[in-house]
Structure formats: C-alpha cells, structure tokens
Amino acid sequence: MQLAEDLADACWHMYESTATGLAPEAILFNNDGSVRGIANTKWNILRPESVESFFILFELTGDEKYRERAHKVWEAFETHCKAPHGYGAHPDVFDVNHKCCNGNDDKQETFWMAETLKYLYLIQQPDNGINMMDYVFNTEAHPFKIIKD
C-alpha cells in the first residue's frame, strides 16, 4: 500500500509542478525533487491513469487529499483543455499561453470520456455504489462485480 501511495504522490507531483497544472506525457525528476519536461513530450492528452489511482486510493483509504487532487486535475483540464465541442490535448503543459486545439491536436481521445471523466466523476460522489472489495475495474474503467465463493 505504501508503494501505491508513493506512486500516486509522484503522479500528483507531475501535475502540480507545471504551469498549467497538467502532467506531461513524460517528465524527468531531478535529484532535488524538482521536475523538468522532456523535449517533444510536454503534451497532455487527457490520460486517465493518475486520476484512476487517486480514485482507487480514495476508495481504499478515505484520504481526502486524493479527492482534492482529482478536483484540481479537473480544474486544469477545464481551464486548459476545453475546446468548443469537447476537450483536447494541451501541446505544452509548461506554457499557460499555449492553448489546446489550435491545430496541434484537434481531437478528443476516446478514453477521456470512457475513463478519465468516469474516475473524476466517481471520486467526487460520496455514495457512488462502488466498493473496491466487491468490484474490479477493467482497463476501460468498466466495473465488474467480483464473484466470491
């Protein structure tokens, strides 16, 4: 469990360390704890993995920091990735002046709605009906009831 929490903290650090509050596709952690982007990987395409981790850890621990982090990620998506008809990738998460959907990536990935938004919604619902001892999520964020003998 400690490893899971440490990995989620590293994911959060990727978000909180950028000017936009969005995590880049890849990042380097410096020895002093700071981060820097890797050339040609400074984009965010609305991936679900970090918010999925926040959701699962919130469900297992009840620690409000995961819900708060998920909300801040949502606010960053809303501020920097909202497009006229959906949400799109942000081409450089270190640059608040660079907006999404300016010709660099005018599309919305399917996992945005299928996974990312689902986890962002579920973590904010106090009674979402998902007990992590009774359900498992597949790779597309569909909950499956665990059959117990």
C-alpha atoms as a PDB file:
ATOM      1  CA  MET A   1       0.000   0.000   0.000  1.00  0.00           C
ATOM      2  CA  GLN A   2       2.876   2.380   0.762  1.00  0.00           C
ATOM      3  CA  LEU A   3       4.272   1.872  -2.733  1.00  0.00           C
ATOM      4  CA  ALA A   4       0.855   2.644  -4.261  1.00  0.00           C
ATOM      5  CA  GLU A   5       0.600   5.850  -2.254  1.00  0.00           C
ATOM      6  CA  ASP A   6       4.163   6.860  -3.167  1.00  0.00           C
ATOM      7  CA  LEU A   7       3.459   6.295  -6.870  1.00  0.00           C
ATOM      8  CA  ALA A   8       0.261   8.347  -6.642  1.00  0.00           C
ATOM      9  CA  ASP A   9       2.238  11.117  -4.915  1.00  0.00           C
ATOM     10  CA  ALA A  10       4.721  11.053  -7.816  1.00  0.00           C
ATOM     11  CA  CYS A  11       1.817  11.306 -10.276  1.00  0.00           C
ATOM     12  CA  TRP A  12       0.443  14.271  -8.354  1.00  0.00           C
ATOM     13  CA  HIS A  13       3.865  15.918  -8.322  1.00  0.00           C
ATOM     14  CA  MET A  14       3.876  15.753 -12.133  1.00  0.00           C
ATOM     15  CA  TYR A  15       0.608  17.734 -12.203  1.00  0.00           C
ATOM     16  CA  GLU A  16       1.381  20.268  -9.503  1.00  0.00           C
ATOM     17  CA  SER A  17       4.848  21.026 -10.907  1.00  0.00           C
ATOM     18  CA  THR A  18       3.727  22.500 -14.215  1.00  0.00           C
ATOM     19  CA  ALA A  19       2.456  25.962 -15.026  1.00  0.00           C
ATOM     20  CA  THR A  20      -0.898  24.602 -16.243  1.00  0.00           C
ATOM     21  CA  GLY A  21      -1.443  22.010 -13.515  1.00  0.00           C
ATOM     22  CA  LEU A  22      -1.450  19.306 -16.212  1.00  0.00           C
ATOM     23  CA  ALA A  23       1.023  16.426 -16.268  1.00  0.00           C
ATOM     24  CA  PRO A  24       3.159  15.982 -19.370  1.00  0.00           C
ATOM     25  CA  GLU A  25       3.395  12.715 -21.257  1.00  0.00           C
ATOM     26  CA  ALA A  26       6.910  12.205 -19.850  1.00  0.00           C
ATOM     27  CA  ILE A  27       8.930  14.000 -17.215  1.00  0.00           C
ATOM     28  CA  LEU A  28      12.304  13.837 -15.530  1.00  0.00           C
ATOM     29  CA  PHE A  29      12.577  14.004 -11.754  1.00  0.00           C
ATOM     30  CA  ASN A  30      15.718  15.840 -10.687  1.00  0.00           C
ATOM     31  CA  ASN A  31      17.724  14.819  -7.604  1.00  0.00           C
ATOM     32  CA  ASP A  32      16.452  17.885  -5.735  1.00  0.00           C
ATOM     33  CA  GLY A  33      12.805  16.832  -6.238  1.00  0.00           C
ATOM     34  CA  SER A  34      12.064  19.330  -8.993  1.00  0.00           C
ATOM     35  CA  VAL A  35      10.860  18.182 -12.387  1.00  0.00           C
ATOM     36  CA  ARG A  36      11.540  19.133 -15.980  1.00  0.00           C
ATOM     37  CA  GLY A  37       9.882  18.285 -19.205  1.00  0.00           C
ATOM     38  CA  ILE A  38      11.431  16.137 -21.866  1.00  0.00           C
ATOM     39  CA  ALA A  39      11.585  17.721 -25.319  1.00  0.00           C
ATOM     40  CA  ASN A  40       8.731  16.609 -27.593  1.00  0.00           C
ATOM     41  CA  THR A  41       6.790  15.016 -24.720  1.00  0.00           C
ATOM     42  CA  LYS A  42       5.402  18.102 -22.990  1.00  0.00           C
ATOM     43  CA  TRP A  43       1.807  17.434 -24.042  1.00  0.00           C
ATOM     44  CA  ASN A  44      -1.153  16.114 -22.080  1.00  0.00           C
ATOM     45  CA  ILE A  45      -3.738  14.063 -23.958  1.00  0.00           C
ATOM     46  CA  LEU A  46      -6.188  13.674 -21.049  1.00  0.00           C
ATOM     47  CA  ARG A  47      -4.928  10.273 -19.897  1.00  0.00           C
ATOM     48  CA  PRO A  48      -6.787   8.564 -17.018  1.00  0.00           C
ATOM     49  CA  GLU A  49      -4.058   6.704 -15.122  1.00  0.00           C
ATOM     50  CA  SER A  50      -3.342   9.287 -12.423  1.00  0.00           C
ATOM     51  CA  VAL A  51      -6.973  10.071 -11.643  1.00  0.00           C
ATOM     52  CA  GLU A  52      -7.699   6.335 -11.661  1.00  0.00           C
ATOM     53  CA  SER A  53      -5.028   5.932  -8.983  1.00  0.00           C
ATOM     54  CA  PHE A  54      -6.477   8.827  -6.993  1.00  0.00           C
ATOM     55  CA  PHE A  55      -9.952   7.250  -7.187  1.00  0.00           C
ATOM     56  CA  ILE A  56      -8.813   3.800  -6.080  1.00  0.00           C
ATOM     57  CA  LEU A  57      -6.692   5.160  -3.234  1.00  0.00           C
ATOM     58  CA  PHE A  58      -9.508   7.415  -2.069  1.00  0.00           C
ATOM     59  CA  GLU A  59     -11.879   4.457  -2.034  1.00  0.00           C
ATOM     60  CA  LEU A  60      -9.397   2.310  -0.100  1.00  0.00           C
ATOM     61  CA  THR A  61      -8.085   4.904   2.349  1.00  0.00           C
ATOM     62  CA  GLY A  62     -10.766   7.592   2.591  1.00  0.00           C
ATOM     63  CA  ASP A  63      -7.971  10.181   2.489  1.00  0.00           C
ATOM     64  CA  GLU A  64      -9.497  13.431   1.198  1.00  0.00           C
ATOM     65  CA  LYS A  65      -6.218  14.502  -0.413  1.00  0.00           C
ATOM     66  CA  TYR A  66      -6.980  12.177  -3.342  1.00  0.00           C
ATOM     67  CA  ARG A  67     -10.389  13.754  -3.901  1.00  0.00           C
ATOM     68  CA  GLU A  68      -8.837  17.238  -3.687  1.00  0.00           C
ATOM     69  CA  ARG A  69      -6.113  16.296  -6.162  1.00  0.00           C
ATOM     70  CA  ALA A  70      -8.647  14.887  -8.603  1.00  0.00           C
ATOM     71  CA  HIS A  71     -10.632  18.114  -8.374  1.00  0.00           C
ATOM     72  CA  LYS A  72      -7.526  20.185  -9.118  1.00  0.00           C
ATOM     73  CA  VAL A  73      -6.774  17.977 -12.125  1.00  0.00           C
ATOM     74  CA  TRP A  74     -10.355  18.535 -13.316  1.00  0.00           C
ATOM     75  CA  GLU A  75      -9.934  22.303 -12.937  1.00  0.00           C
ATOM     76  CA  ALA A  76      -6.717  22.174 -15.006  1.00  0.00           C
ATOM     77  CA  PHE A  77      -8.480  20.191 -17.747  1.00  0.00           C
ATOM     78  CA  GLU A  78     -11.374  22.637 -17.689  1.00  0.00           C
ATOM     79  CA  THR A  79      -9.064  25.663 -17.835  1.00  0.00           C
ATOM     80  CA  HIS A  80      -6.532  24.463 -20.392  1.00  0.00           C
ATOM     81  CA  CYS A  81      -8.096  21.654 -22.445  1.00  0.00           C
ATOM     82  CA  LYS A  82     -11.689  22.703 -23.033  1.00  0.00           C
ATOM     83  CA  ALA A  83     -12.442  23.159 -26.707  1.00  0.00           C
ATOM     84  CA  PRO A  84     -15.571  24.468 -28.454  1.00  0.00           C
ATOM     85  CA  HIS A  85     -17.065  20.966 -28.745  1.00  0.00           C
ATOM     86  CA  GLY A  86     -15.298  18.844 -26.132  1.00  0.00           C
ATOM     87  CA  TYR A  87     -11.803  18.576 -24.700  1.00  0.00           C
ATOM     88  CA  GLY A  88      -8.486  18.255 -26.467  1.00  0.00           C
ATOM     89  CA  ALA A  89      -4.828  17.708 -25.777  1.00  0.00           C
ATOM     90  CA  HIS A  90      -2.667  20.507 -24.437  1.00  0.00           C
ATOM     91  CA  PRO A  91       0.524  20.718 -26.511  1.00  0.00           C
ATOM     92  CA  ASP A  92       2.838  22.134 -23.809  1.00  0.00           C
ATOM     93  CA  VAL A  93       1.819  21.862 -20.161  1.00  0.00           C
ATOM     94  CA  PHE A  94       4.659  24.167 -19.135  1.00  0.00           C
ATOM     95  CA  ASP A  95       3.186  27.054 -21.169  1.00  0.00           C
ATOM     96  CA  VAL A  96      -0.082  28.572 -19.919  1.00  0.00           C
ATOM     97  CA  ASN A  97      -0.343  30.716 -23.031  1.00  0.00           C
ATOM     98  CA  HIS A  98      -0.377  27.734 -25.370  1.00  0.00           C
ATOM     99  CA  LYS A  99      -3.984  26.566 -25.708  1.00  0.00           C
ATOM    100  CA  CYS A 100      -5.344  23.234 -26.813  1.00  0.00           C
ATOM    101  CA  CYS A 101      -6.924  22.633 -30.186  1.00  0.00           C
ATOM    102  CA  ASN A 102      -5.025  25.341 -32.045  1.00  0.00           C
ATOM    103  CA  GLY A 103      -4.246  22.982 -34.887  1.00  0.00           C
ATOM    104  CA  ASN A 104      -1.753  20.821 -32.991  1.00  0.00           C
ATOM    105  CA  ASP A 105      -4.227  18.159 -31.914  1.00  0.00           C
ATOM    106  CA  ASP A 106      -7.823  18.914 -32.747  1.00  0.00           C
ATOM    107  CA  LYS A 107      -9.277  15.668 -31.425  1.00  0.00           C
ATOM    108  CA  GLN A 108     -10.625  14.162 -28.238  1.00  0.00           C
ATOM    109  CA  GLU A 109      -9.309  10.742 -27.238  1.00  0.00           C
ATOM    110  CA  THR A 110     -11.979   8.122 -26.508  1.00  0.00           C
ATOM    111  CA  PHE A 111     -10.506   7.331 -23.102  1.00  0.00           C
ATOM    112  CA  TRP A 112     -11.287  10.890 -21.997  1.00  0.00           C
ATOM    113  CA  MET A 113     -14.982  10.115 -21.617  1.00  0.00           C
ATOM    114  CA  ALA A 114     -14.730   6.359 -21.055  1.00  0.00           C
ATOM    115  CA  GLU A 115     -12.145   6.522 -18.290  1.00  0.00           C
ATOM    116  CA  THR A 116     -10.810   9.922 -17.233  1.00  0.00           C
ATOM    117  CA  LEU A 117     -14.186  11.603 -16.786  1.00  0.00           C
ATOM    118  CA  LYS A 118     -15.629   8.474 -15.175  1.00  0.00           C
ATOM    119  CA  TYR A 119     -12.947   8.416 -12.480  1.00  0.00           C
ATOM    120  CA  LEU A 120     -13.186  12.181 -11.980  1.00  0.00           C
ATOM    121  CA  TYR A 121     -16.951  11.816 -11.505  1.00  0.00           C
ATOM    122  CA  LEU A 122     -16.832   8.761  -9.238  1.00  0.00           C
ATOM    123  CA  ILE A 123     -14.263  10.213  -6.851  1.00  0.00           C
ATOM    124  CA  GLN A 124     -16.475  13.244  -6.228  1.00  0.00           C
ATOM    125  CA  GLN A 125     -19.585  11.156  -5.475  1.00  0.00           C
ATOM    126  CA  PRO A 126     -19.809  10.352  -1.759  1.00  0.00           C
ATOM    127  CA  ASP A 127     -22.032   7.321  -2.384  1.00  0.00           C
ATOM    128  CA  ASN A 128     -21.037   6.070  -5.816  1.00  0.00           C
ATOM    129  CA  GLY A 129     -22.027   2.446  -5.160  1.00  0.00           C
ATOM    130  CA  ILE A 130     -18.565   1.089  -5.929  1.00  0.00           C
ATOM    131  CA  ASN A 131     -16.969  -0.832  -3.085  1.00  0.00           C
ATOM    132  CA  MET A 132     -13.424  -1.761  -4.055  1.00  0.00           C
ATOM    133  CA  MET A 133     -13.766  -5.006  -2.090  1.00  0.00           C
ATOM    134  CA  ASP A 134     -16.707  -6.009  -4.315  1.00  0.00           C
ATOM    135  CA  TYR A 135     -15.699  -4.636  -7.725  1.00  0.00           C
ATOM    136  CA  VAL A 136     -12.701  -4.616 -10.029  1.00  0.00           C
ATOM    137  CA  PHE A 137     -12.262  -2.230 -12.958  1.00  0.00           C
ATOM    138  CA  ASN A 138     -11.041  -3.463 -16.318  1.00  0.00           C
ATOM    139  CA  THR A 139      -8.622  -1.456 -18.458  1.00  0.00           C
ATOM    140  CA  GLU A 140     -11.504   0.555 -19.923  1.00  0.00           C
ATOM    141  CA  ALA A 141     -12.853   1.551 -16.488  1.00  0.00           C
ATOM    142  CA  HIS A 142     -15.834  -0.783 -16.530  1.00  0.00           C
ATOM    143  CA  PRO A 143     -16.628  -2.091 -13.035  1.00  0.00           C
ATOM    144  CA  PHE A 144     -17.119  -5.853 -12.733  1.00  0.00           C
ATOM    145  CA  LYS A 145     -18.582  -7.468  -9.647  1.00  0.00           C
ATOM    146  CA  ILE A 146     -16.186  -9.872  -8.002  1.00  0.00           C
ATOM    147  CA  ILE A 147     -17.690 -13.325  -7.712  1.00  0.00           C
ATOM    148  CA  LYS A 148     -16.853 -14.682  -4.285  1.00  0.00           C
ATOM    149  CA  ASP A 149     -17.033 -18.350  -3.390  1.00  0.00           C
END
